[in-house]
């Protein structure tokens, strides 16, 4: 559901009334007939109890409030969008991120630029259903902050969000085919252009489904779904790609316990709260337990650092017991790593009947 365009103005109006309650209340000023006061008196305030100065002050405060609001919106936009690889590699992501039925083509992820700069580590992240930007809010940004803290200038870190609709139908279908294709193409082109870059794949909720699907596309070596049999970008590329994927980190994965194609279990960390209906119970009801993976950001970042051998935290991770992250099999006893957290079992809302 798209948010109402009136919401920002409701926020501004409410804020103005809370700061200046007099705007919503009658004043004690005695009315003065218009003909008895001149324009200069009105502006100067001599006939209005300094109304001109008050109005100027109110306008100034309102302008400041609006400026602050706009800055906050911009900061939110910056936090929910990451495009480091687009900038470093000169790649254009041309897909229609609003249409999950869009066809993935060779031009969906453009050619690598002539002056590409390869990072030491590249994180490709797919957000969850309904999240804003290209990395969302609930899991991505806290994870990136922890990674930046731990890498601490010891290497270059590039973070790239995967643009895709992240719609409920995509989740119900087992993960957006379009988003999965975009991630697969982005991984392929990044590893081809930067063979020494360490790759981290990560996703939250439906984004985790996208990671599963992308790696399956790559390792199947066949055409991408929805491309009419015309796009086969991964022929003879699977081994090279798999060798560069240092770690996979999944938050609230609906396919929890299912192996990531071409990736050793020891390189996979799948974080799932015990009461998370989406990942722990295979359901389609969102509880607060599905929205609290920001608390696992440090653990996830330490896992990545330990597996990559980069950053000041690679040794810290081992010292803090992250050298061998415990692998807990899912109830289905399928290959794959699953780190179970505690859950609060708090209120929920449903996404609809899941068809997997």
Protein backbone atom coordinates (compact mmCIF):
# COMPACT_ATOMS: atom_id res chain seq x y z
CA UNK A 1 0.00 0.00 0.00
CA UNK A 2 1.38 3.35 -0.98
CA UNK A 3 1.50 5.91 1.86
CA UNK A 4 -0.85 8.87 1.58
CA UNK A 5 0.67 12.03 0.14
CA UNK A 6 -1.04 13.88 2.97
CA UNK A 7 1.04 12.22 5.67
CA UNK A 8 4.04 14.63 5.54
CA UNK A 9 1.72 17.63 5.77
CA UNK A 10 -0.17 16.04 8.65
CA UNK A 11 3.17 15.57 10.40
CA UNK A 12 4.18 19.17 9.74
CA UNK A 13 0.77 20.50 10.82
CA UNK A 14 0.80 18.47 14.02
CA UNK A 15 4.34 19.57 14.77
CA UNK A 16 3.47 23.23 14.22
CA UNK A 17 0.47 23.00 16.52
CA UNK A 18 2.51 21.25 19.20
CA UNK A 19 5.25 23.91 19.05
CA UNK A 20 2.89 26.86 18.59
CA UNK A 21 -0.40 25.93 20.32
CA UNK A 22 -1.53 29.54 20.03
CA UNK A 23 -2.12 28.91 16.33
CA UNK A 24 -5.07 26.72 17.21
CA UNK A 25 -6.48 29.02 19.91
CA UNK A 26 -8.25 32.42 19.80
CA UNK A 27 -6.19 35.42 20.84
CA UNK A 28 -7.11 38.20 23.22
CA UNK A 29 -6.26 40.92 20.70
CA UNK A 30 -8.96 43.55 20.28
CA UNK A 31 -10.00 43.70 16.61
CA UNK A 32 -9.01 46.89 14.82
CA UNK A 33 -10.91 48.08 11.81
CA UNK A 34 -8.77 47.86 8.66
CA UNK A 35 -9.27 51.50 7.81
CA UNK A 36 -7.90 52.52 11.20
CA UNK A 37 -4.49 50.93 10.66
CA UNK A 38 -2.04 51.32 7.84
CA UNK A 39 -0.03 48.66 6.11
CA UNK A 40 3.20 49.82 7.69
CA UNK A 41 1.60 49.82 11.12
CA UNK A 42 0.37 46.25 10.56
CA UNK A 43 3.76 45.03 9.43
CA UNK A 44 5.58 46.99 12.10
CA UNK A 45 3.19 45.86 14.78
CA UNK A 46 2.30 49.27 16.27
CA UNK A 47 -1.42 48.66 15.78
CA UNK A 48 -1.42 44.93 16.35
CA UNK A 49 0.49 44.19 19.48
CA UNK A 50 3.66 43.46 17.52
CA UNK A 51 1.77 41.05 15.27
CA UNK A 52 4.27 41.63 12.46
CA UNK A 53 7.20 40.49 14.55
CA UNK A 54 5.22 37.50 15.80
CA UNK A 55 4.22 36.54 12.26
CA UNK A 56 7.82 36.82 11.08
CA UNK A 57 8.93 34.65 13.98
CA UNK A 58 6.25 32.06 13.23
CA UNK A 59 7.19 31.99 9.56
CA UNK A 60 10.85 31.60 10.45
CA UNK A 61 10.13 28.77 12.88
CA UNK A 62 7.81 27.05 10.40
CA UNK A 63 10.45 27.31 7.68
CA UNK A 64 13.05 25.85 10.03
CA UNK A 65 10.70 23.00 10.93
CA UNK A 66 9.99 22.22 7.28
CA UNK A 67 13.72 22.34 6.50
CA UNK A 68 14.39 19.91 9.35
CA UNK A 69 11.63 17.62 8.11
CA UNK A 70 13.00 17.63 4.56
CA UNK A 71 16.50 16.90 5.89
CA UNK A 72 15.12 13.98 7.92
CA UNK A 73 13.39 12.57 4.83
CA UNK A 74 16.64 12.90 2.87
CA UNK A 75 18.57 11.16 5.63
CA UNK A 76 16.01 8.34 5.60
CA UNK A 77 16.39 8.08 1.83
CA UNK A 78 20.17 7.91 2.15
CA UNK A 79 19.95 5.22 4.84
CA UNK A 80 17.69 3.01 2.76
CA UNK A 81 19.61 3.24 -0.52
CA UNK A 82 23.09 1.86 -1.16
CA UNK A 83 24.67 2.09 -4.63
CA UNK A 84 28.41 1.71 -4.10
CA UNK A 85 28.91 -0.81 -6.90
CA UNK A 86 26.93 1.30 -9.33
CA UNK A 87 29.32 4.15 -8.53
CA UNK A 88 32.57 2.14 -8.41
CA UNK A 89 31.97 -0.11 -11.41
CA UNK A 90 30.03 2.36 -13.51
CA UNK A 91 27.17 -0.13 -13.87
CA UNK A 92 23.65 0.99 -14.73
CA UNK A 93 20.78 -0.89 -13.10
CA UNK A 94 18.10 -0.36 -15.71
CA UNK A 95 15.40 -2.71 -14.52
CA UNK A 96 11.93 -1.50 -13.60
CA UNK A 97 12.00 -1.99 -9.85
CA UNK A 98 8.23 -1.39 -9.66
CA UNK A 99 7.20 -4.28 -11.90
CA UNK A 100 7.87 -7.85 -10.79
CA UNK A 101 6.72 -9.08 -14.19
CA UNK A 102 9.48 -7.14 -15.94
CA UNK A 103 11.84 -9.14 -18.12
CA UNK A 104 15.48 -9.39 -17.11
CA UNK A 105 17.71 -8.61 -20.09
CA UNK A 106 21.41 -8.04 -20.68
CA UNK A 107 20.78 -4.32 -20.30
CA UNK A 108 19.09 -4.75 -16.91
CA UNK A 109 22.56 -4.69 -15.41
CA UNK A 110 24.73 -2.60 -17.72
CA UNK A 111 28.31 -3.13 -18.80
CA UNK A 112 31.16 -2.45 -16.41
CA UNK A 113 32.59 1.04 -16.89
CA UNK A 114 36.03 1.60 -18.40
CA UNK A 115 37.34 3.16 -15.18
CA UNK A 116 35.93 0.62 -12.75
CA UNK A 117 37.38 0.53 -9.24
CA UNK A 118 37.29 -2.83 -7.51
CA UNK A 119 36.54 -2.89 -3.76
CA UNK A 120 38.11 -5.34 -1.33
CA UNK A 121 34.67 -6.57 -0.33
CA UNK A 122 31.30 -6.17 -2.02
CA UNK A 123 28.03 -6.78 -0.19
CA UNK A 124 24.96 -7.38 -2.36
CA UNK A 125 21.81 -7.05 -0.28
CA UNK A 126 18.13 -7.67 -1.04
CA UNK A 127 15.57 -6.02 1.25
CA UNK A 128 12.37 -7.52 2.64
CA UNK A 129 8.80 -7.27 1.41
CA UNK A 130 7.42 -3.73 1.44
CA UNK A 131 10.63 -2.08 2.65
CA UNK A 132 11.62 1.29 1.21
CA UNK A 133 14.70 2.15 -0.84
CA UNK A 134 16.87 -0.67 -2.14
CA UNK A 135 18.11 -1.97 1.23
CA UNK A 136 15.17 -1.24 3.55
CA UNK A 137 15.41 -0.43 7.24
CA UNK A 138 14.98 -3.48 9.47
CA UNK A 139 18.12 -5.54 8.80
CA UNK A 140 20.31 -3.95 6.12
CA UNK A 141 21.45 -0.56 7.50
CA UNK A 142 22.40 -1.85 11.01
CA UNK A 143 24.34 -4.70 9.38
CA UNK A 144 26.19 -2.27 7.10
CA UNK A 145 27.07 0.01 10.01
CA UNK A 146 28.58 -2.92 11.91
CA UNK A 147 30.54 -4.00 8.82
CA UNK A 148 31.95 -0.51 8.33
CA UNK A 149 32.95 -0.35 11.99
CA UNK A 150 34.73 -3.69 11.86
CA UNK A 151 36.47 -3.22 8.52
CA UNK A 152 37.69 0.10 9.95
CA UNK A 153 39.57 1.28 6.89
CA UNK A 154 41.60 -1.92 6.53
CA UNK A 155 39.97 -2.57 3.15
CA UNK A 156 37.46 -0.95 0.82
CA UNK A 157 33.84 -1.94 1.36
CA UNK A 158 31.14 -1.53 -1.28
CA UNK A 159 27.47 -2.08 -0.50
CA UNK A 160 24.89 -2.48 -3.23
CA UNK A 161 21.15 -2.83 -2.80
CA UNK A 162 19.26 -4.92 -5.34
CA UNK A 163 16.37 -2.94 -6.85
CA UNK A 164 13.23 -5.03 -7.14
CA UNK A 165 9.53 -4.65 -6.23
CA UNK A 166 9.65 -6.61 -2.93
CA UNK A 167 5.92 -7.17 -3.27
CA UNK A 168 3.70 -9.61 -1.39
CA UNK A 169 3.03 -11.66 -4.57
CA UNK A 170 6.79 -12.04 -4.98
CA UNK A 171 7.10 -13.40 -1.45
CA UNK A 172 4.19 -15.78 -1.94
CA UNK A 173 5.79 -17.05 -5.16
CA UNK A 174 9.00 -17.95 -3.31
CA UNK A 175 10.91 -14.77 -4.08
CA UNK A 176 10.80 -12.21 -6.86
CA UNK A 177 12.03 -13.74 -10.13
CA UNK A 178 13.01 -10.29 -11.34
CA UNK A 179 14.97 -9.45 -8.19
CA UNK A 180 16.64 -12.85 -8.22
CA UNK A 181 17.72 -12.32 -11.83
CA UNK A 182 19.09 -8.86 -11.07
CA UNK A 183 21.13 -10.17 -8.13
CA UNK A 184 22.48 -13.07 -10.20
CA UNK A 185 23.53 -10.73 -13.01
CA UNK A 186 25.11 -8.30 -10.55
CA UNK A 187 27.11 -11.08 -8.88
CA UNK A 188 28.23 -12.38 -12.26
CA UNK A 189 29.39 -9.02 -13.58
CA UNK A 190 31.07 -8.02 -10.32
CA UNK A 191 33.10 -11.23 -10.07
CA UNK A 192 34.05 -11.04 -13.76
CA UNK A 193 35.27 -7.45 -13.49
CA UNK A 194 36.80 -7.82 -10.02
CA UNK A 195 38.10 -11.38 -9.60
CA UNK A 196 39.88 -10.52 -6.34
CA UNK A 197 36.89 -8.90 -4.66
CA UNK A 198 35.38 -10.90 -1.80
CA UNK A 199 31.62 -11.24 -2.30
CA UNK A 200 29.02 -11.26 0.48
CA UNK A 201 25.42 -12.07 -0.38
CA UNK A 202 22.76 -11.06 2.09
CA UNK A 203 19.01 -10.69 2.27
CA UNK A 204 16.19 -10.14 4.70
CA UNK A 205 12.86 -11.98 4.49
CA UNK A 206 11.91 -12.07 0.79
CA UNK A 207 15.42 -10.79 0.13
CA UNK A 208 16.74 -14.08 1.53
CA UNK A 209 14.56 -15.90 -1.00
CA UNK A 210 16.16 -13.74 -3.68
CA UNK A 211 19.63 -14.86 -2.54
CA UNK A 212 18.62 -18.53 -2.72
CA UNK A 213 17.15 -18.10 -6.19
CA UNK A 214 20.08 -16.06 -7.54
CA UNK A 215 22.63 -18.69 -6.56
CA UNK A 216 20.42 -21.40 -8.00
CA UNK A 217 20.24 -19.54 -11.31
CA UNK A 218 24.02 -19.22 -11.37
CA UNK A 219 24.72 -22.84 -10.55
CA UNK A 220 22.07 -24.25 -12.86
CA UNK A 221 23.90 -22.56 -15.73
CA UNK A 222 20.66 -22.18 -17.65
CA UNK A 223 18.63 -19.26 -18.90
CA UNK A 224 17.07 -16.83 -16.49
CA UNK A 225 13.31 -17.18 -15.93
CA UNK A 226 11.22 -14.84 -18.04
CA UNK A 227 13.91 -14.19 -20.62
CA UNK A 228 12.41 -16.29 -23.42
CA UNK A 229 15.48 -18.48 -23.50
CA UNK A 230 17.71 -15.65 -24.66
CA UNK A 231 19.84 -14.90 -21.61
CA UNK A 232 22.40 -17.51 -20.53
CA UNK A 233 25.01 -15.41 -18.73
CA UNK A 234 26.33 -18.04 -16.34
CA UNK A 235 27.76 -20.70 -18.65
CA UNK A 236 31.08 -21.91 -17.16
CA UNK A 237 30.92 -19.12 -14.56
CA UNK A 238 29.56 -21.01 -11.54
CA UNK A 239 32.92 -22.23 -10.20
CA UNK A 240 34.51 -18.78 -10.43
CA UNK A 241 31.52 -17.14 -8.76
CA UNK A 242 31.25 -19.72 -5.98
CA UNK A 243 34.94 -19.30 -5.13
CA UNK A 244 34.45 -15.57 -4.59
CA UNK A 245 31.35 -15.83 -2.37
CA UNK A 246 33.04 -15.69 1.01
CA UNK A 247 29.86 -15.64 3.06
CA UNK A 248 26.09 -15.58 2.88
CA UNK A 249 24.11 -13.88 5.66
CA UNK A 250 20.34 -14.29 5.79
CA UNK A 251 17.89 -12.65 8.17
CA UNK A 252 14.43 -14.17 8.73
CA UNK A 253 14.78 -16.49 5.73
CA UNK A 254 11.46 -18.08 4.61
CA UNK A 255 13.57 -20.92 3.15
CA UNK A 256 15.51 -21.36 6.37
CA UNK A 257 17.41 -24.63 6.55
CA UNK A 258 17.65 -24.95 2.77
CA UNK A 259 21.18 -25.04 1.40
CA UNK A 260 22.50 -22.18 -0.73
CA UNK A 261 23.40 -23.60 -4.13
CA UNK A 262 27.16 -23.78 -4.69
CA UNK A 263 27.99 -22.50 -1.19
CA UNK A 264 29.50 -24.47 1.68
CA UNK A 265 27.33 -24.58 4.79
CA UNK A 266 30.24 -23.20 6.82
CA UNK A 267 29.97 -19.95 4.86
CA UNK A 268 26.26 -19.50 5.58
CA UNK A 269 24.78 -17.74 8.60
CA UNK A 270 20.99 -17.77 8.71
CA UNK A 271 19.58 -15.81 11.63
CA UNK A 272 16.08 -16.78 12.69
CA UNK A 273 14.25 -15.98 15.91
CA UNK A 274 12.56 -19.01 17.44
CA UNK A 275 9.14 -17.32 17.40
CA UNK A 276 9.50 -15.84 13.92
CA UNK A 277 6.54 -17.28 12.01
CA UNK A 278 8.17 -16.59 8.65
CA UNK A 279 11.48 -18.40 9.08
CA UNK A 280 11.02 -20.71 12.07
CA UNK A 281 7.53 -21.98 11.28
CA UNK A 282 7.28 -21.68 7.52
CA UNK A 283 4.29 -19.37 7.81
CA UNK A 284 3.14 -16.08 6.36
CA UNK A 285 2.38 -14.10 9.53
CA UNK A 286 4.69 -11.25 10.49
CA UNK A 287 5.34 -10.91 14.22
CA UNK A 288 7.65 -8.49 15.97
CA UNK A 289 10.17 -11.32 16.04
CA UNK A 290 10.51 -10.90 12.28
CA UNK A 291 11.27 -7.19 12.65
CA UNK A 292 14.07 -7.23 15.24
CA UNK A 293 17.09 -8.53 13.33
CA UNK A 294 18.92 -5.25 13.80
CA UNK A 295 19.98 -6.73 17.15
CA UNK A 296 21.93 -9.39 15.23
CA UNK A 297 23.91 -6.88 13.16
CA UNK A 298 27.11 -7.24 15.20
CA UNK A 299 26.99 -11.03 15.10
CA UNK A 300 26.39 -11.01 11.35
CA UNK A 301 29.23 -8.55 10.70
CA UNK A 302 31.67 -10.52 12.84
CA UNK A 303 30.78 -13.68 10.91
CA UNK A 304 31.51 -11.93 7.61
CA UNK A 305 34.81 -10.54 8.87
CA UNK A 306 35.91 -13.93 10.17
CA UNK A 307 35.07 -15.68 6.90
CA UNK A 308 36.73 -13.02 4.76
CA UNK A 309 39.83 -12.51 6.88
CA UNK A 310 39.45 -8.76 6.39
CA UNK A 311 39.21 -5.99 8.93
CA UNK A 312 40.25 -5.52 12.53
CA UNK A 313 37.42 -7.79 13.64
CA UNK A 314 38.57 -10.93 11.86
CA UNK A 315 40.66 -11.84 14.92
CA UNK A 316 38.07 -10.30 17.26
CA UNK A 317 35.48 -12.63 15.78
CA UNK A 318 37.60 -15.68 16.51
CA UNK A 319 38.39 -14.44 20.03
CA UNK A 320 34.68 -14.04 20.71
CA UNK A 321 33.85 -17.56 19.64
CA UNK A 322 32.75 -16.86 16.09
CA UNK A 323 35.43 -19.05 14.53
CA UNK A 324 32.96 -21.92 14.42
CA UNK A 325 29.44 -20.57 14.32
CA UNK A 326 27.15 -23.40 15.46
CA UNK A 327 25.08 -24.98 12.73
CA UNK A 328 21.60 -25.96 13.86
CA UNK A 329 19.63 -28.04 11.42
CA UNK A 330 16.08 -27.04 10.65
CA UNK A 331 13.19 -29.29 11.63
CA UNK A 332 13.17 -30.51 8.02
CA UNK A 333 16.76 -31.73 8.49
CA UNK A 334 17.83 -30.16 5.21
CA UNK A 335 21.37 -28.91 4.68
CA UNK A 336 22.00 -25.33 5.68
CA UNK A 337 22.98 -23.22 8.65
CA UNK A 338 20.46 -21.85 11.08
CA UNK A 339 21.31 -19.76 14.12
CA UNK A 340 18.28 -19.67 16.41
CA UNK A 341 17.66 -16.59 18.53
CA UNK A 342 15.05 -15.97 21.20
CA UNK A 343 11.70 -14.52 20.29
CA UNK A 344 9.19 -12.38 22.12
CA UNK A 345 6.11 -13.83 20.44
CA UNK A 346 4.47 -10.43 20.11
CA UNK A 347 1.53 -9.21 17.96
CA UNK A 348 1.38 -10.07 14.29
CA UNK A 349 -0.27 -9.44 10.96
CA UNK A 350 -0.58 -11.76 7.97
CA UNK A 351 0.68 -11.53 4.42
CA UNK A 352 -1.80 -14.04 3.04
CA UNK A 353 -1.62 -17.70 2.21
CA UNK A 354 1.89 -18.60 1.12
CA UNK A 355 2.32 -20.75 -1.95
CA UNK A 356 5.84 -22.17 -2.08
